[in-house]
C-alpha atoms as a PDB file:
ATOM      1  CA  MET A   1     -76.275 -29.640  35.444  1.00  0.00           C
ATOM      2  CA  ARG A   2     -75.706 -26.209  33.363  1.00  0.00           C
ATOM      3  CA  ALA A   3     -72.226 -24.163  33.464  1.00  0.00           C
ATOM      4  CA  LEU A   4     -71.786 -20.643  31.962  1.00  0.00           C
ATOM      5  CA  LEU A   5     -67.744 -20.075  32.659  1.00  0.00           C
ATOM      6  CA  GLN A   6     -66.029 -16.996  31.579  1.00  0.00           C
ATOM      7  CA  ARG A   7     -62.391 -16.678  31.408  1.00  0.00           C
ATOM      8  CA  VAL A   8     -61.451 -13.804  33.894  1.00  0.00           C
ATOM      9  CA  THR A   9     -58.341 -12.068  35.145  1.00  0.00           C
ATOM     10  CA  GLU A  10     -60.441 -11.444  38.690  1.00  0.00           C
ATOM     11  CA  ALA A  11     -63.584 -11.880  39.639  1.00  0.00           C
ATOM     12  CA  SER A  12     -65.751 -11.262  42.968  1.00  0.00           C
ATOM     13  CA  VAL A  13     -68.688 -11.861  44.572  1.00  0.00           C
ATOM     14  CA  THR A  14     -70.833  -9.988  47.289  1.00  0.00           C
ATOM     15  CA  VAL A  15     -73.319  -9.955  49.876  1.00  0.00           C
ATOM     16  CA  GLU A  16     -74.105  -7.219  51.729  1.00  0.00           C
ATOM     17  CA  GLU A  17     -71.444  -5.699  51.249  1.00  0.00           C
ATOM     18  CA  ASP A  18     -69.096  -8.168  52.305  1.00  0.00           C
ATOM     19  CA  ILE A  19     -67.073 -10.056  49.656  1.00  0.00           C
ATOM     20  CA  VAL A  20     -67.123 -13.795  50.122  1.00  0.00           C
ATOM     21  CA  GLY A  21     -65.399 -15.012  47.366  1.00  0.00           C
ATOM     22  CA  LYS A  22     -62.659 -13.514  44.935  1.00  0.00           C
ATOM     23  CA  ILE A  23     -59.892 -15.307  42.485  1.00  0.00           C
ATOM     24  CA  GLY A  24     -57.558 -13.574  40.183  1.00  0.00           C
ATOM     25  CA  PRO A  25     -57.235 -15.427  36.536  1.00  0.00           C
ATOM     26  CA  GLY A  26     -59.079 -18.148  36.155  1.00  0.00           C
ATOM     27  CA  LEU A  27     -63.071 -18.952  35.517  1.00  0.00           C
ATOM     28  CA  LEU A  28     -65.964 -17.416  37.433  1.00  0.00           C
ATOM     29  CA  ILE A  29     -68.438 -20.332  37.162  1.00  0.00           C
ATOM     30  CA  LEU A  30     -71.980 -19.512  36.930  1.00  0.00           C
ATOM     31  CA  VAL A  31     -74.190 -23.051  38.103  1.00  0.00           C
ATOM     32  CA  CYS A  32     -77.240 -24.674  37.557  1.00  0.00           C
ATOM     33  CA  ALA A  33     -78.903 -27.864  39.426  1.00  0.00           C
ATOM     34  CA  MET A  34     -81.781 -29.635  37.070  1.00  0.00           C
ATOM     35  CA  PRO A  35     -83.645 -32.243  38.673  1.00  0.00           C
ATOM     36  CA  GLU A  36     -82.311 -35.184  37.428  1.00  0.00           C
ATOM     37  CA  ASP A  37     -78.279 -33.920  37.815  1.00  0.00           C
ATOM     38  CA  THR A  38     -76.736 -36.633  40.835  1.00  0.00           C
ATOM     39  CA  SER A  39     -73.418 -36.676  42.578  1.00  0.00           C
ATOM     40  CA  GLU A  40     -72.264 -37.914  39.349  1.00  0.00           C
ATOM     41  CA  THR A  41     -73.335 -35.487  37.024  1.00  0.00           C
ATOM     42  CA  ALA A  42     -71.477 -32.754  39.636  1.00  0.00           C
ATOM     43  CA  GLU A  43     -67.982 -34.700  39.570  1.00  0.00           C
ATOM     44  CA  LYS A  44     -68.390 -35.288  35.352  1.00  0.00           C
ATOM     45  CA  LEU A  45     -68.684 -31.243  34.831  1.00  0.00           C
ATOM     46  CA  ALA A  46     -66.187 -30.406  37.111  1.00  0.00           C
ATOM     47  CA  LEU A  47     -63.412 -32.638  35.592  1.00  0.00           C
ATOM     48  CA  LYS A  48     -64.761 -31.274  32.119  1.00  0.00           C
ATOM     49  CA  VAL A  49     -64.604 -27.891  33.534  1.00  0.00           C
ATOM     50  CA  SER A  50     -60.547 -28.817  34.676  1.00  0.00           C
ATOM     51  CA  LYS A  51     -59.559 -29.791  31.322  1.00  0.00           C
ATOM     52  CA  LEU A  52     -61.390 -27.753  29.078  1.00  0.00           C
ATOM     53  CA  ARG A  53     -58.473 -25.654  27.094  1.00  0.00           C
ATOM     54  CA  LEU A  54     -59.499 -22.077  27.558  1.00  0.00           C
ATOM     55  CA  PHE A  55     -56.316 -20.484  28.222  1.00  0.00           C
ATOM     56  CA  LYS A  56     -53.461 -18.858  26.119  1.00  0.00           C
ATOM     57  CA  ASP A  57     -50.112 -21.081  25.601  1.00  0.00           C
ATOM     58  CA  ASN A  58     -47.171 -19.220  24.894  1.00  0.00           C
ATOM     59  CA  ALA A  59     -48.063 -18.697  21.023  1.00  0.00           C
ATOM     60  CA  GLY A  60     -51.533 -17.180  21.657  1.00  0.00           C
ATOM     61  CA  LYS A  61     -53.453 -20.329  21.117  1.00  0.00           C
ATOM     62  CA  MET A  62     -56.633 -21.543  23.758  1.00  0.00           C
ATOM     63  CA  ASN A  63     -54.360 -24.726  24.729  1.00  0.00           C
ATOM     64  CA  LEU A  64     -53.998 -24.633  28.137  1.00  0.00           C
ATOM     65  CA  SER A  65     -56.375 -26.009  30.646  1.00  0.00           C
ATOM     66  CA  LEU A  66     -57.146 -24.259  34.377  1.00  0.00           C
ATOM     67  CA  THR A  67     -55.539 -27.208  36.031  1.00  0.00           C
ATOM     68  CA  GLN A  68     -52.570 -26.247  33.561  1.00  0.00           C
ATOM     69  CA  THR A  69     -52.318 -22.512  34.758  1.00  0.00           C
ATOM     70  CA  GLY A  70     -52.963 -23.064  38.090  1.00  0.00           C
ATOM     71  CA  GLY A  71     -56.073 -20.588  37.960  1.00  0.00           C
ATOM     72  CA  ALA A  72     -58.622 -20.328  40.335  1.00  0.00           C
ATOM     73  CA  ALA A  73     -62.493 -20.860  40.183  1.00  0.00           C
ATOM     74  CA  LEU A  74     -65.210 -18.691  41.818  1.00  0.00           C
ATOM     75  CA  VAL A  75     -68.162 -21.002  41.718  1.00  0.00           C
ATOM     76  CA  VAL A  76     -71.511 -18.894  41.645  1.00  0.00           C
ATOM     77  CA  SER A  77     -75.096 -20.617  42.088  1.00  0.00           C
ATOM     78  CA  GLN A  78     -77.879 -19.437  39.677  1.00  0.00           C
ATOM     79  CA  PHE A  79     -80.937 -21.391  39.202  1.00  0.00           C
ATOM     80  CA  THR A  80     -81.472 -18.666  36.599  1.00  0.00           C
ATOM     81  CA  LEU A  81     -79.705 -20.626  33.786  1.00  0.00           C
ATOM     82  CA  ALA A  82     -82.958 -22.997  34.089  1.00  0.00           C
ATOM     83  CA  ALA A  83     -84.886 -19.993  32.827  1.00  0.00           C
ATOM     84  CA  ASP A  84     -87.585 -21.367  30.113  1.00  0.00           C
ATOM     85  CA  THR A  85     -88.590 -18.522  27.814  1.00  0.00           C
ATOM     86  CA  SER A  86     -90.574 -20.312  25.533  1.00  0.00           C
ATOM     87  CA  ARG A  87     -93.996 -18.954  26.419  1.00  0.00           C
ATOM     88  CA  GLY A  88     -94.435 -15.276  27.126  1.00  0.00           C
ATOM     89  CA  ASN A  89     -92.055 -12.777  28.202  1.00  0.00           C
ATOM     90  CA  ARG A  90     -92.027 -13.756  32.103  1.00  0.00           C
ATOM     91  CA  PRO A  91     -88.920 -16.468  32.043  1.00  0.00           C
ATOM     92  CA  GLY A  92     -89.977 -19.784  34.257  1.00  0.00           C
ATOM     93  CA  PHE A  93     -87.519 -20.871  36.683  1.00  0.00           C
ATOM     94  CA  SER A  94     -89.682 -24.541  37.176  1.00  0.00           C
ATOM     95  CA  GLY A  95     -87.217 -26.805  35.466  1.00  0.00           C
ATOM     96  CA  ALA A  96     -84.190 -26.191  37.917  1.00  0.00           C
ATOM     97  CA  ALA A  97     -83.777 -28.304  40.913  1.00  0.00           C
ATOM     98  CA  LYS A  98     -85.374 -27.900  44.180  1.00  0.00           C
ATOM     99  CA  PRO A  99     -83.361 -26.102  46.497  1.00  0.00           C
ATOM    100  CA  GLU A 100     -82.180 -28.834  48.918  1.00  0.00           C
ATOM    101  CA  MET A 101     -81.076 -30.591  45.851  1.00  0.00           C
ATOM    102  CA  ALA A 102     -79.745 -27.608  44.342  1.00  0.00           C
ATOM    103  CA  GLU A 103     -77.606 -26.421  47.136  1.00  0.00           C
ATOM    104  CA  ALA A 104     -75.995 -30.184  47.095  1.00  0.00           C
ATOM    105  CA  LEU A 105     -74.857 -30.640  43.978  1.00  0.00           C
ATOM    106  CA  TYR A 106     -73.550 -26.829  43.940  1.00  0.00           C
ATOM    107  CA  LYS A 107     -71.367 -28.107  46.860  1.00  0.00           C
ATOM    108  CA  LYS A 108     -70.437 -31.206  45.505  1.00  0.00           C
ATOM    109  CA  PHE A 109     -68.926 -29.203  42.040  1.00  0.00           C
ATOM    110  CA  ALA A 110     -66.896 -27.091  44.000  1.00  0.00           C
ATOM    111  CA  GLN A 111     -65.774 -29.811  45.767  1.00  0.00           C
ATOM    112  CA  HIS A 112     -64.689 -32.035  42.902  1.00  0.00           C
ATOM    113  CA  LEU A 113     -63.073 -28.892  41.481  1.00  0.00           C
ATOM    114  CA  SER A 114     -60.860 -28.749  44.690  1.00  0.00           C
ATOM    115  CA  ALA A 115     -60.456 -32.506  44.764  1.00  0.00           C
ATOM    116  CA  LEU A 116     -58.601 -31.511  41.488  1.00  0.00           C
ATOM    117  CA  GLY A 117     -56.278 -29.210  42.656  1.00  0.00           C
ATOM    118  CA  ILE A 118     -57.647 -25.827  41.756  1.00  0.00           C
ATOM    119  CA  PRO A 119     -58.679 -22.917  44.630  1.00  0.00           C
ATOM    120  CA  VAL A 120     -61.879 -22.352  44.582  1.00  0.00           C
ATOM    121  CA  GLU A 121     -64.101 -19.599  46.069  1.00  0.00           C
ATOM    122  CA  THR A 122     -67.964 -19.602  45.992  1.00  0.00           C
ATOM    123  CA  GLY A 123     -70.630 -17.567  46.625  1.00  0.00           C
ATOM    124  CA  ARG A 124     -73.421 -17.985  48.659  1.00  0.00           C
ATOM    125  CA  PHE A 125     -76.257 -20.181  48.132  1.00  0.00           C
ATOM    126  CA  GLY A 126     -79.854 -18.711  47.288  1.00  0.00           C
ATOM    127  CA  ALA A 127     -78.663 -14.870  48.880  1.00  0.00           C
ATOM    128  CA  ASP A 128     -78.949 -11.619  46.652  1.00  0.00           C
ATOM    129  CA  MET A 129     -75.499 -11.667  45.568  1.00  0.00           C
ATOM    130  CA  SER A 130     -73.422  -9.210  43.604  1.00  0.00           C
ATOM    131  CA  VAL A 131     -70.927 -10.703  41.042  1.00  0.00           C
ATOM    132  CA  ALA A 132     -68.318  -8.913  39.586  1.00  0.00           C
ATOM    133  CA  LEU A 133     -65.622  -9.998  36.663  1.00  0.00           C
ATOM    134  CA  THR A 134     -63.244  -9.014  34.346  1.00  0.00           C
ATOM    135  CA  ASN A 135     -64.013 -10.946  31.334  1.00  0.00           C
ATOM    136  CA  ASP A 136     -60.751 -12.154  29.841  1.00  0.00           C
ATOM    137  CA  GLY A 137     -60.878 -12.336  25.901  1.00  0.00           C
ATOM    138  CA  PRO A 138     -64.024 -12.342  26.216  1.00  0.00           C
ATOM    139  CA  VAL A 139     -64.217 -16.251  26.177  1.00  0.00           C
ATOM    140  CA  THR A 140     -67.579 -17.527  27.506  1.00  0.00           C
ATOM    141  CA  LEU A 141     -68.628 -21.069  27.294  1.00  0.00           C
ATOM    142  CA  TRP A 142     -72.045 -22.723  27.827  1.00  0.00           C
ATOM    143  CA  LEU A 143     -72.248 -26.054  29.011  1.00  0.00           C
ATOM    144  CA  ASP A 144     -75.217 -28.683  29.338  1.00  0.00           C
ATOM    145  CA  SER A 145     -74.559 -31.872  31.269  1.00  0.00           C
ATOM    146  CA  ALA A 146     -77.386 -33.068  29.676  1.00  0.00           C
ATOM    147  CA  ALA A 147     -76.473 -32.610  26.163  1.00  0.00           C
ATOM    148  CA  PRO A 148     -74.985 -34.966  24.055  1.00  0.00           C
END
């Protein structure tokens, strides 16, 4: 799985003028399932995200995790994280998991985060979404479960 994490002071996702997910301080997490991913991959990625020390402590150092701060997660599916831009100018997305598998893994990832005690909001899989955020820092990290 691939995930793009953005530390935010607030974030929301809107579908057809309805806000379907909204958080205050925490992480906006854009997630893409890849064909080789499993439920175990989603669980491991959620655990990694929950433990990453991306939030400032009293000394102003990035020393606290999402779990430690009580922050929330807004999880949004984003197949474009699988983009292949190696040929030409039009990205290819054939490297992303098929929709049925991707939706199941996206939901598993969100469920695993929630099971770790993190308040989770989500977008709507497959929908045309509008995501709004206020990036805090800015702090943005890229995670790929296939990376060593």
